[in-house]
Amino acid sequence: MAEHGEACEAAEATSYCMNGGTCYRIPSMSTLACVCNSGFKGSRCEELQLLSRSQTNENGGLIAAVVIVVFLILVLLIIIIYYAY
């Protein structure tokens, strides 16, 4: 349950929040709110929360940098070998 809320009445608890969210009342604002289950968001848990692509591509920049550095070292070695012989 939310820290500053109280349980909704039975009718509200079953119909207000969607996708299994937990309903609670905020007394200071005289309004209802929801605590959403994992994978859902929105004021009434009506939106499916998709995984962010940035979570899966966190190391993409590092990998690209390593590939570029290795490529530059190979080019440098080829140039050195070419001029040495």
PDB file of N, CA and C in Angstrom:
ATOM      1  N   MET A   1       0.850  -1.183   0.000  1.00  0.00           N
ATOM      2  CA  MET A   1       0.000   0.000   0.000  1.00  0.00           C
ATOM      3  C   MET A   1       0.889   1.238   0.000  1.00  0.00           C
ATOM      4  N   ALA A   2       0.397   2.298  -0.584  1.00  0.00           N
ATOM      5  CA  ALA A   2       1.161   3.530  -0.645  1.00  0.00           C
ATOM      6  C   ALA A   2       1.372   4.097   0.749  1.00  0.00           C
ATOM      7  N   GLU A   3       2.457   4.786   0.921  1.00  0.00           N
ATOM      8  CA  GLU A   3       2.854   5.275   2.238  1.00  0.00           C
ATOM      9  C   GLU A   3       1.849   6.253   2.837  1.00  0.00           C
ATOM     10  N   HIS A   4       1.242   7.117   2.031  1.00  0.00           N
ATOM     11  CA  HIS A   4       0.342   8.146   2.554  1.00  0.00           C
ATOM     12  C   HIS A   4      -1.097   7.931   2.109  1.00  0.00           C
ATOM     13  N   GLY A   5      -1.447   6.706   1.827  1.00  0.00           N
ATOM     14  CA  GLY A   5      -2.800   6.429   1.362  1.00  0.00           C
ATOM     15  C   GLY A   5      -3.495   5.423   2.238  1.00  0.00           C
ATOM     16  N   GLU A   6      -4.777   5.256   1.965  1.00  0.00           N
ATOM     17  CA  GLU A   6      -5.562   4.258   2.680  1.00  0.00           C
ATOM     18  C   GLU A   6      -6.279   3.403   1.645  1.00  0.00           C
ATOM     19  N   ALA A   7      -6.703   2.240   2.032  1.00  0.00           N
ATOM     20  CA  ALA A   7      -7.318   1.293   1.108  1.00  0.00           C
ATOM     21  C   ALA A   7      -8.590   1.870   0.498  1.00  0.00           C
ATOM     22  N   CYS A   8      -8.824   1.551  -0.760  1.00  0.00           N
ATOM     23  CA  CYS A   8     -10.053   1.960  -1.440  1.00  0.00           C
ATOM     24  C   CYS A   8     -11.214   1.120  -0.928  1.00  0.00           C
ATOM     25  N   GLU A   9     -12.416   1.611  -1.163  1.00  0.00           N
ATOM     26  CA  GLU A   9     -13.598   0.814  -0.842  1.00  0.00           C
ATOM     27  C   GLU A   9     -13.661  -0.353  -1.825  1.00  0.00           C
ATOM     28  N   ALA A  10     -14.410  -1.382  -1.485  1.00  0.00           N
ATOM     29  CA  ALA A  10     -14.436  -2.614  -2.275  1.00  0.00           C
ATOM     30  C   ALA A  10     -14.780  -2.364  -3.742  1.00  0.00           C
ATOM     31  N   ALA A  11     -15.778  -1.548  -4.017  1.00  0.00           N
ATOM     32  CA  ALA A  11     -16.193  -1.289  -5.401  1.00  0.00           C
ATOM     33  C   ALA A  11     -15.083  -0.572  -6.169  1.00  0.00           C
ATOM     34  N   GLU A  12     -14.431   0.375  -5.538  1.00  0.00           N
ATOM     35  CA  GLU A  12     -13.337   1.108  -6.173  1.00  0.00           C
ATOM     36  C   GLU A  12     -12.134   0.196  -6.393  1.00  0.00           C
ATOM     37  N   ALA A  13     -11.849  -0.637  -5.409  1.00  0.00           N
ATOM     38  CA  ALA A  13     -10.661  -1.493  -5.458  1.00  0.00           C
ATOM     39  C   ALA A  13     -10.706  -2.458  -6.629  1.00  0.00           C
ATOM     40  N   THR A  14     -11.873  -2.893  -7.026  1.00  0.00           N
ATOM     41  CA  THR A  14     -11.966  -3.865  -8.117  1.00  0.00           C
ATOM     42  C   THR A  14     -12.115  -3.220  -9.488  1.00  0.00           C
ATOM     43  N   SER A  15     -12.545  -1.969  -9.547  1.00  0.00           N
ATOM     44  CA  SER A  15     -12.825  -1.379 -10.858  1.00  0.00           C
ATOM     45  C   SER A  15     -11.902  -0.227 -11.260  1.00  0.00           C
ATOM     46  N   TYR A  16     -11.217   0.393 -10.321  1.00  0.00           N
ATOM     47  CA  TYR A  16     -10.454   1.601 -10.676  1.00  0.00           C
ATOM     48  C   TYR A  16      -9.121   1.275 -11.342  1.00  0.00           C
ATOM     49  N   CYS A  17      -8.307   0.467 -10.726  1.00  0.00           N
ATOM     50  CA  CYS A  17      -6.984   0.142 -11.271  1.00  0.00           C
ATOM     51  C   CYS A  17      -7.092  -1.027 -12.244  1.00  0.00           C
ATOM     52  N   MET A  18      -6.355  -0.935 -13.331  1.00  0.00           N
ATOM     53  CA  MET A  18      -6.374  -1.980 -14.358  1.00  0.00           C
ATOM     54  C   MET A  18      -5.162  -2.896 -14.201  1.00  0.00           C
ATOM     55  N   ASN A  19      -5.208  -4.026 -14.876  1.00  0.00           N
ATOM     56  CA  ASN A  19      -4.083  -4.967 -14.953  1.00  0.00           C
ATOM     57  C   ASN A  19      -3.551  -5.395 -13.595  1.00  0.00           C
ATOM     58  N   GLY A  20      -4.442  -5.552 -12.631  1.00  0.00           N
ATOM     59  CA  GLY A  20      -4.055  -6.058 -11.315  1.00  0.00           C
ATOM     60  C   GLY A  20      -3.420  -5.042 -10.389  1.00  0.00           C
ATOM     61  N   GLY A  21      -3.512  -3.747 -10.737  1.00  0.00           N
ATOM     62  CA  GLY A  21      -2.948  -2.708  -9.877  1.00  0.00           C
ATOM     63  C   GLY A  21      -3.702  -2.614  -8.559  1.00  0.00           C
ATOM     64  N   THR A  22      -3.033  -2.084  -7.542  1.00  0.00           N
ATOM     65  CA  THR A  22      -3.640  -1.943  -6.216  1.00  0.00           C
ATOM     66  C   THR A  22      -4.132  -0.517  -6.021  1.00  0.00           C
ATOM     67  N   CYS A  23      -5.420  -0.385  -5.698  1.00  0.00           N
ATOM     68  CA  CYS A  23      -6.054   0.925  -5.529  1.00  0.00           C
ATOM     69  C   CYS A  23      -5.844   1.445  -4.103  1.00  0.00           C
ATOM     70  N   TYR A  24      -5.572   2.740  -4.001  1.00  0.00           N
ATOM     71  CA  TYR A  24      -5.534   3.396  -2.694  1.00  0.00           C
ATOM     72  C   TYR A  24      -6.045   4.819  -2.827  1.00  0.00           C
ATOM     73  N   ARG A  25      -6.530   5.342  -1.713  1.00  0.00           N
ATOM     74  CA  ARG A  25      -7.098   6.695  -1.673  1.00  0.00           C
ATOM     75  C   ARG A  25      -6.104   7.623  -1.000  1.00  0.00           C
ATOM     76  N   ILE A  26      -5.922   8.816  -1.594  1.00  0.00           N
ATOM     77  CA  ILE A  26      -5.064   9.840  -0.999  1.00  0.00           C
ATOM     78  C   ILE A  26      -5.987  10.832  -0.298  1.00  0.00           C
ATOM     79  N   PRO A  27      -6.081  10.773   1.020  1.00  0.00           N
ATOM     80  CA  PRO A  27      -7.051  11.595   1.756  1.00  0.00           C
ATOM     81  C   PRO A  27      -6.824  13.101   1.577  1.00  0.00           C
ATOM     82  N   SER A  28      -5.589  13.536   1.530  1.00  0.00           N
ATOM     83  CA  SER A  28      -5.324  14.971   1.447  1.00  0.00           C
ATOM     84  C   SER A  28      -5.768  15.555   0.108  1.00  0.00           C
ATOM     85  N   MET A  29      -5.895  14.723  -0.915  1.00  0.00           N
ATOM     86  CA  MET A  29      -6.288  15.201  -2.231  1.00  0.00           C
ATOM     87  C   MET A  29      -7.670  14.704  -2.644  1.00  0.00           C
ATOM     88  N   SER A  30      -8.292  13.875  -1.820  1.00  0.00           N
ATOM     89  CA  SER A  30      -9.593  13.268  -2.122  1.00  0.00           C
ATOM     90  C   SER A  30      -9.604  12.642  -3.505  1.00  0.00           C
ATOM     91  N   THR A  31      -8.588  11.850  -3.791  1.00  0.00           N
ATOM     92  CA  THR A  31      -8.485  11.205  -5.095  1.00  0.00           C
ATOM     93  C   THR A  31      -8.009   9.771  -4.940  1.00  0.00           C
ATOM     94  N   LEU A  32      -8.205   9.002  -5.990  1.00  0.00           N
ATOM     95  CA  LEU A  32      -7.740   7.622  -6.014  1.00  0.00           C
ATOM     96  C   LEU A  32      -6.446   7.548  -6.801  1.00  0.00           C
ATOM     97  N   ALA A  33      -5.624   6.568  -6.475  1.00  0.00           N
ATOM     98  CA  ALA A  33      -4.372   6.333  -7.190  1.00  0.00           C
ATOM     99  C   ALA A  33      -4.129   4.837  -7.220  1.00  0.00           C
ATOM    100  N   CYS A  34      -3.147   4.432  -8.019  1.00  0.00           N
ATOM    101  CA  CYS A  34      -2.851   3.008  -8.171  1.00  0.00           C
ATOM    102  C   CYS A  34      -1.371   2.743  -7.983  1.00  0.00           C
ATOM    103  N   VAL A  35      -1.077   1.588  -7.428  1.00  0.00           N
ATOM    104  CA  VAL A  35       0.279   1.048  -7.428  1.00  0.00           C
ATOM    105  C   VAL A  35       0.251  -0.073  -8.455  1.00  0.00           C
ATOM    106  N   CYS A  36       1.007   0.099  -9.518  1.00  0.00           N
ATOM    107  CA  CYS A  36       0.955  -0.840 -10.645  1.00  0.00           C
ATOM    108  C   CYS A  36       1.849  -2.049 -10.416  1.00  0.00           C
ATOM    109  N   ASN A  37       1.418  -3.166 -10.999  1.00  0.00           N
ATOM    110  CA  ASN A  37       2.249  -4.370 -11.014  1.00  0.00           C
ATOM    111  C   ASN A  37       3.404  -4.155 -11.978  1.00  0.00           C
ATOM    112  N   SER A  38       4.415  -4.961 -11.838  1.00  0.00           N
ATOM    113  CA  SER A  38       5.569  -4.886 -12.717  1.00  0.00           C
ATOM    114  C   SER A  38       5.129  -5.053 -14.166  1.00  0.00           C
ATOM    115  N   GLY A  39       5.629  -4.184 -15.032  1.00  0.00           N
ATOM    116  CA  GLY A  39       5.300  -4.258 -16.450  1.00  0.00           C
ATOM    117  C   GLY A  39       4.193  -3.317 -16.877  1.00  0.00           C
ATOM    118  N   PHE A  40       3.592  -2.593 -15.936  1.00  0.00           N
ATOM    119  CA  PHE A  40       2.521  -1.657 -16.261  1.00  0.00           C
ATOM    120  C   PHE A  40       2.805  -0.296 -15.643  1.00  0.00           C
ATOM    121  N   LYS A  41       2.254   0.748 -16.262  1.00  0.00           N
ATOM    122  CA  LYS A  41       2.421   2.115 -15.762  1.00  0.00           C
ATOM    123  C   LYS A  41       1.182   2.919 -16.106  1.00  0.00           C
ATOM    124  N   GLY A  42       1.169   4.163 -15.697  1.00  0.00           N
ATOM    125  CA  GLY A  42       0.039   5.045 -15.944  1.00  0.00           C
ATOM    126  C   GLY A  42      -0.732   5.294 -14.667  1.00  0.00           C
ATOM    127  N   SER A  43      -1.586   6.293 -14.686  1.00  0.00           N
ATOM    128  CA  SER A  43      -2.322   6.654 -13.475  1.00  0.00           C
ATOM    129  C   SER A  43      -3.264   5.549 -13.021  1.00  0.00           C
ATOM    130  N   ARG A  44      -3.718   4.708 -13.972  1.00  0.00           N
ATOM    131  CA  ARG A  44      -4.591   3.586 -13.619  1.00  0.00           C
ATOM    132  C   ARG A  44      -4.008   2.248 -14.071  1.00  0.00           C
ATOM    133  N   CYS A  45      -2.688   2.211 -14.290  1.00  0.00           N
ATOM    134  CA  CYS A  45      -1.974   0.995 -14.728  1.00  0.00           C
ATOM    135  C   CYS A  45      -2.483   0.524 -16.087  1.00  0.00           C
ATOM    136  N   GLU A  46      -2.864   1.476 -16.926  1.00  0.00           N
ATOM    137  CA  GLU A  46      -3.468   1.153 -18.220  1.00  0.00           C
ATOM    138  C   GLU A  46      -2.456   0.969 -19.341  1.00  0.00           C
ATOM    139  N   GLU A  47      -1.203   1.328 -19.107  1.00  0.00           N
ATOM    140  CA  GLU A  47      -0.191   1.267 -20.160  1.00  0.00           C
ATOM    141  C   GLU A  47       0.796   0.137 -19.899  1.00  0.00           C
ATOM    142  N   LEU A  48       1.117  -0.589 -20.966  1.00  0.00           N
ATOM    143  CA  LEU A  48       2.132  -1.624 -20.890  1.00  0.00           C
ATOM    144  C   LEU A  48       3.496  -0.942 -20.923  1.00  0.00           C
ATOM    145  N   GLN A  49       4.347  -1.265 -19.986  1.00  0.00           N
ATOM    146  CA  GLN A  49       5.668  -0.648 -19.905  1.00  0.00           C
ATOM    147  C   GLN A  49       6.658  -1.518 -20.660  1.00  0.00           C
ATOM    148  N   LEU A  50       7.116  -1.016 -21.810  1.00  0.00           N
ATOM    149  CA  LEU A  50       8.061  -1.756 -22.630  1.00  0.00           C
ATOM    150  C   LEU A  50       9.473  -1.556 -22.119  1.00  0.00           C
ATOM    151  N   LEU A  51      10.316  -2.547 -22.336  1.00  0.00           N
ATOM    152  CA  LEU A  51      11.714  -2.424 -21.937  1.00  0.00           C
ATOM    153  C   LEU A  51      12.400  -1.394 -22.811  1.00  0.00           C
ATOM    154  N   SER A  52      13.244  -0.633 -22.213  1.00  0.00           N
ATOM    155  CA  SER A  52      13.998   0.388 -22.940  1.00  0.00           C
ATOM    156  C   SER A  52      15.132  -0.261 -23.715  1.00  0.00           C
ATOM    157  N   ARG A  53      15.361   0.200 -24.926  1.00  0.00           N
ATOM    158  CA  ARG A  53      16.458  -0.333 -25.718  1.00  0.00           C
ATOM    159  C   ARG A  53      17.806   0.072 -25.125  1.00  0.00           C
ATOM    160  N   SER A  54      17.851   1.177 -24.407  1.00  0.00           N
ATOM    161  CA  SER A  54      19.119   1.620 -23.847  1.00  0.00           C
ATOM    162  C   SER A  54      19.643   0.642 -22.796  1.00  0.00           C
ATOM    163  N   GLN A  55      18.756  -0.124 -22.177  1.00  0.00           N
ATOM    164  CA  GLN A  55      19.207  -1.113 -21.201  1.00  0.00           C
ATOM    165  C   GLN A  55      20.000  -2.222 -21.861  1.00  0.00           C
ATOM    166  N   THR A  56      19.666  -2.557 -23.104  1.00  0.00           N
ATOM    167  CA  THR A  56      20.356  -3.645 -23.773  1.00  0.00           C
ATOM    168  C   THR A  56      21.575  -3.162 -24.538  1.00  0.00           C
ATOM    169  N   ASN A  57      21.714  -1.865 -24.769  1.00  0.00           N
ATOM    170  CA  ASN A  57      22.818  -1.335 -25.561  1.00  0.00           C
ATOM    171  C   ASN A  57      23.779  -0.479 -24.740  1.00  0.00           C
ATOM    172  N   GLU A  58      23.883  -0.739 -23.457  1.00  0.00           N
ATOM    173  CA  GLU A  58      24.730   0.091 -22.607  1.00  0.00           C
ATOM    174  C   GLU A  58      26.205   0.001 -22.995  1.00  0.00           C
ATOM    175  N   ASN A  59      26.666  -1.147 -23.472  1.00  0.00           N
ATOM    176  CA  ASN A  59      28.072  -1.334 -23.794  1.00  0.00           C
ATOM    177  C   ASN A  59      28.369  -1.094 -25.268  1.00  0.00           C
ATOM    178  N   GLY A  60      27.406  -0.647 -26.035  1.00  0.00           N
ATOM    179  CA  GLY A  60      27.598  -0.429 -27.464  1.00  0.00           C
ATOM    180  C   GLY A  60      28.698   0.566 -27.771  1.00  0.00           C
ATOM    181  N   GLY A  61      28.776   1.656 -27.050  1.00  0.00           N
ATOM    182  CA  GLY A  61      29.814   2.662 -27.269  1.00  0.00           C
ATOM    183  C   GLY A  61      31.193   2.141 -26.941  1.00  0.00           C
ATOM    184  N   LEU A  62      31.301   1.390 -25.881  1.00  0.00           N
ATOM    185  CA  LEU A  62      32.590   0.816 -25.482  1.00  0.00           C
ATOM    186  C   LEU A  62      33.076  -0.194 -26.518  1.00  0.00           C
ATOM    187  N   ILE A  63      32.182  -1.025 -26.989  1.00  0.00           N
ATOM    188  CA  ILE A  63      32.553  -2.020 -28.006  1.00  0.00           C
ATOM    189  C   ILE A  63      33.012  -1.323 -29.283  1.00  0.00           C
ATOM    190  N   ALA A  64      32.295  -0.292 -29.703  1.00  0.00           N
ATOM    191  CA  ALA A  64      32.680   0.453 -30.903  1.00  0.00           C
ATOM    192  C   ALA A  64      34.054   1.085 -30.731  1.00  0.00           C
ATOM    193  N   ALA A  65      34.333   1.646 -29.562  1.00  0.00           N
ATOM    194  CA  ALA A  65      35.628   2.275 -29.313  1.00  0.00           C
ATOM    195  C   ALA A  65      36.759   1.243 -29.372  1.00  0.00           C
ATOM    196  N   VAL A  66      36.541   0.083 -28.796  1.00  0.00           N
ATOM    197  CA  VAL A  66      37.558  -0.968 -28.812  1.00  0.00           C
ATOM    198  C   VAL A  66      37.822  -1.431 -30.249  1.00  0.00           C
ATOM    199  N   VAL A  67      36.775  -1.612 -31.029  1.00  0.00           N
ATOM    200  CA  VAL A  67      36.940  -2.039 -32.419  1.00  0.00           C
ATOM    201  C   VAL A  67      37.731  -0.998 -33.208  1.00  0.00           C
ATOM    202  N   ILE A  68      37.434   0.274 -33.015  1.00  0.00           N
ATOM    203  CA  ILE A  68      38.154   1.341 -33.723  1.00  0.00           C
ATOM    204  C   ILE A  68      39.622   1.365 -33.332  1.00  0.00           C
ATOM    205  N   VAL A  69      39.916   1.238 -32.040  1.00  0.00           N
ATOM    206  CA  VAL A  69      41.305   1.254 -31.565  1.00  0.00           C
ATOM    207  C   VAL A  69      42.070   0.062 -32.142  1.00  0.00           C
ATOM    208  N   VAL A  70      41.475  -1.108 -32.129  1.00  0.00           N
ATOM    209  CA  VAL A  70      42.134  -2.295 -32.691  1.00  0.00           C
ATOM    210  C   VAL A  70      42.383  -2.095 -34.181  1.00  0.00           C
ATOM    211  N   PHE A  71      41.418  -1.560 -34.895  1.00  0.00           N
ATOM    212  CA  PHE A  71      41.577  -1.296 -36.324  1.00  0.00           C
ATOM    213  C   PHE A  71      42.724  -0.317 -36.575  1.00  0.00           C
ATOM    214  N   LEU A  72      42.799   0.759 -35.805  1.00  0.00           N
ATOM    215  CA  LEU A  72      43.874   1.743 -35.974  1.00  0.00           C
ATOM    216  C   LEU A  72      45.247   1.130 -35.671  1.00  0.00           C
ATOM    217  N   ILE A  73      45.328   0.268 -34.675  1.00  0.00           N
ATOM    218  CA  ILE A  73      46.598  -0.405 -34.359  1.00  0.00           C
ATOM    219  C   ILE A  73      47.004  -1.312 -35.512  1.00  0.00           C
ATOM    220  N   LEU A  74      46.068  -2.037 -36.081  1.00  0.00           N
ATOM    221  CA  LEU A  74      46.375  -2.894 -37.228  1.00  0.00           C
ATOM    222  C   LEU A  74      46.864  -2.076 -38.421  1.00  0.00           C
ATOM    223  N   VAL A  75      46.223  -0.958 -38.706  1.00  0.00           N
ATOM    224  CA  VAL A  75      46.648  -0.093 -39.812  1.00  0.00           C
ATOM    225  C   VAL A  75      48.057   0.432 -39.541  1.00  0.00           C
ATOM    226  N   LEU A  76      48.324   0.843 -38.321  1.00  0.00           N
ATOM    227  CA  LEU A  76      49.647   1.337 -37.955  1.00  0.00           C
ATOM    228  C   LEU A  76      50.703   0.247 -38.121  1.00  0.00           C
ATOM    229  N   LEU A  77      50.407  -0.969 -37.702  1.00  0.00           N
ATOM    230  CA  LEU A  77      51.349  -2.079 -37.867  1.00  0.00           C
ATOM    231  C   LEU A  77      51.601  -2.384 -39.337  1.00  0.00           C
ATOM    232  N   ILE A  78      50.570  -2.341 -40.152  1.00  0.00           N
ATOM    233  CA  ILE A  78      50.742  -2.579 -41.593  1.00  0.00           C
ATOM    234  C   ILE A  78      51.645  -1.519 -42.213  1.00  0.00           C
ATOM    235  N   ILE A  79      51.451  -0.269 -41.817  1.00  0.00           N
ATOM    236  CA  ILE A  79      52.289   0.825 -42.340  1.00  0.00           C
ATOM    237  C   ILE A  79      53.739   0.637 -41.906  1.00  0.00           C
ATOM    238  N   ILE A  80      53.970   0.291 -40.647  1.00  0.00           N
ATOM    239  CA  ILE A  80      55.332   0.088 -40.141  1.00  0.00           C
ATOM    240  C   ILE A  80      56.007  -1.074 -40.868  1.00  0.00           C
ATOM    241  N   ILE A  81      55.290  -2.169 -41.026  1.00  0.00           N
ATOM    242  CA  ILE A  81      55.863  -3.334 -41.728  1.00  0.00           C
ATOM    243  C   ILE A  81      56.141  -2.995 -43.186  1.00  0.00           C
ATOM    244  N   TYR A  82      55.276  -2.270 -43.824  1.00  0.00           N
ATOM    245  CA  TYR A  82      55.448  -1.895 -45.229  1.00  0.00           C
ATOM    246  C   TYR A  82      56.722  -1.071 -45.427  1.00  0.00           C
ATOM    247  N   TYR A  83      56.944  -0.078 -44.555  1.00  0.00           N
ATOM    248  CA  TYR A  83      58.121   0.791 -44.694  1.00  0.00           C
ATOM    249  C   TYR A  83      59.401   0.129 -44.171  1.00  0.00           C
ATOM    250  N   ALA A  84      59.283  -0.870 -43.309  1.00  0.00           N
ATOM    251  CA  ALA A  84      60.460  -1.550 -42.773  1.00  0.00           C
ATOM    252  C   ALA A  84      61.077  -2.501 -43.796  1.00  0.00           C
ATOM    253  N   TYR A  85      60.293  -3.012 -44.708  1.00  0.00           N
ATOM    254  CA  TYR A  85      60.805  -3.964 -45.694  1.00  0.00           C
ATOM    255  C   TYR A  85      60.802  -3.320 -47.015  1.00  0.00           C
TER     256      TYR A  85
END
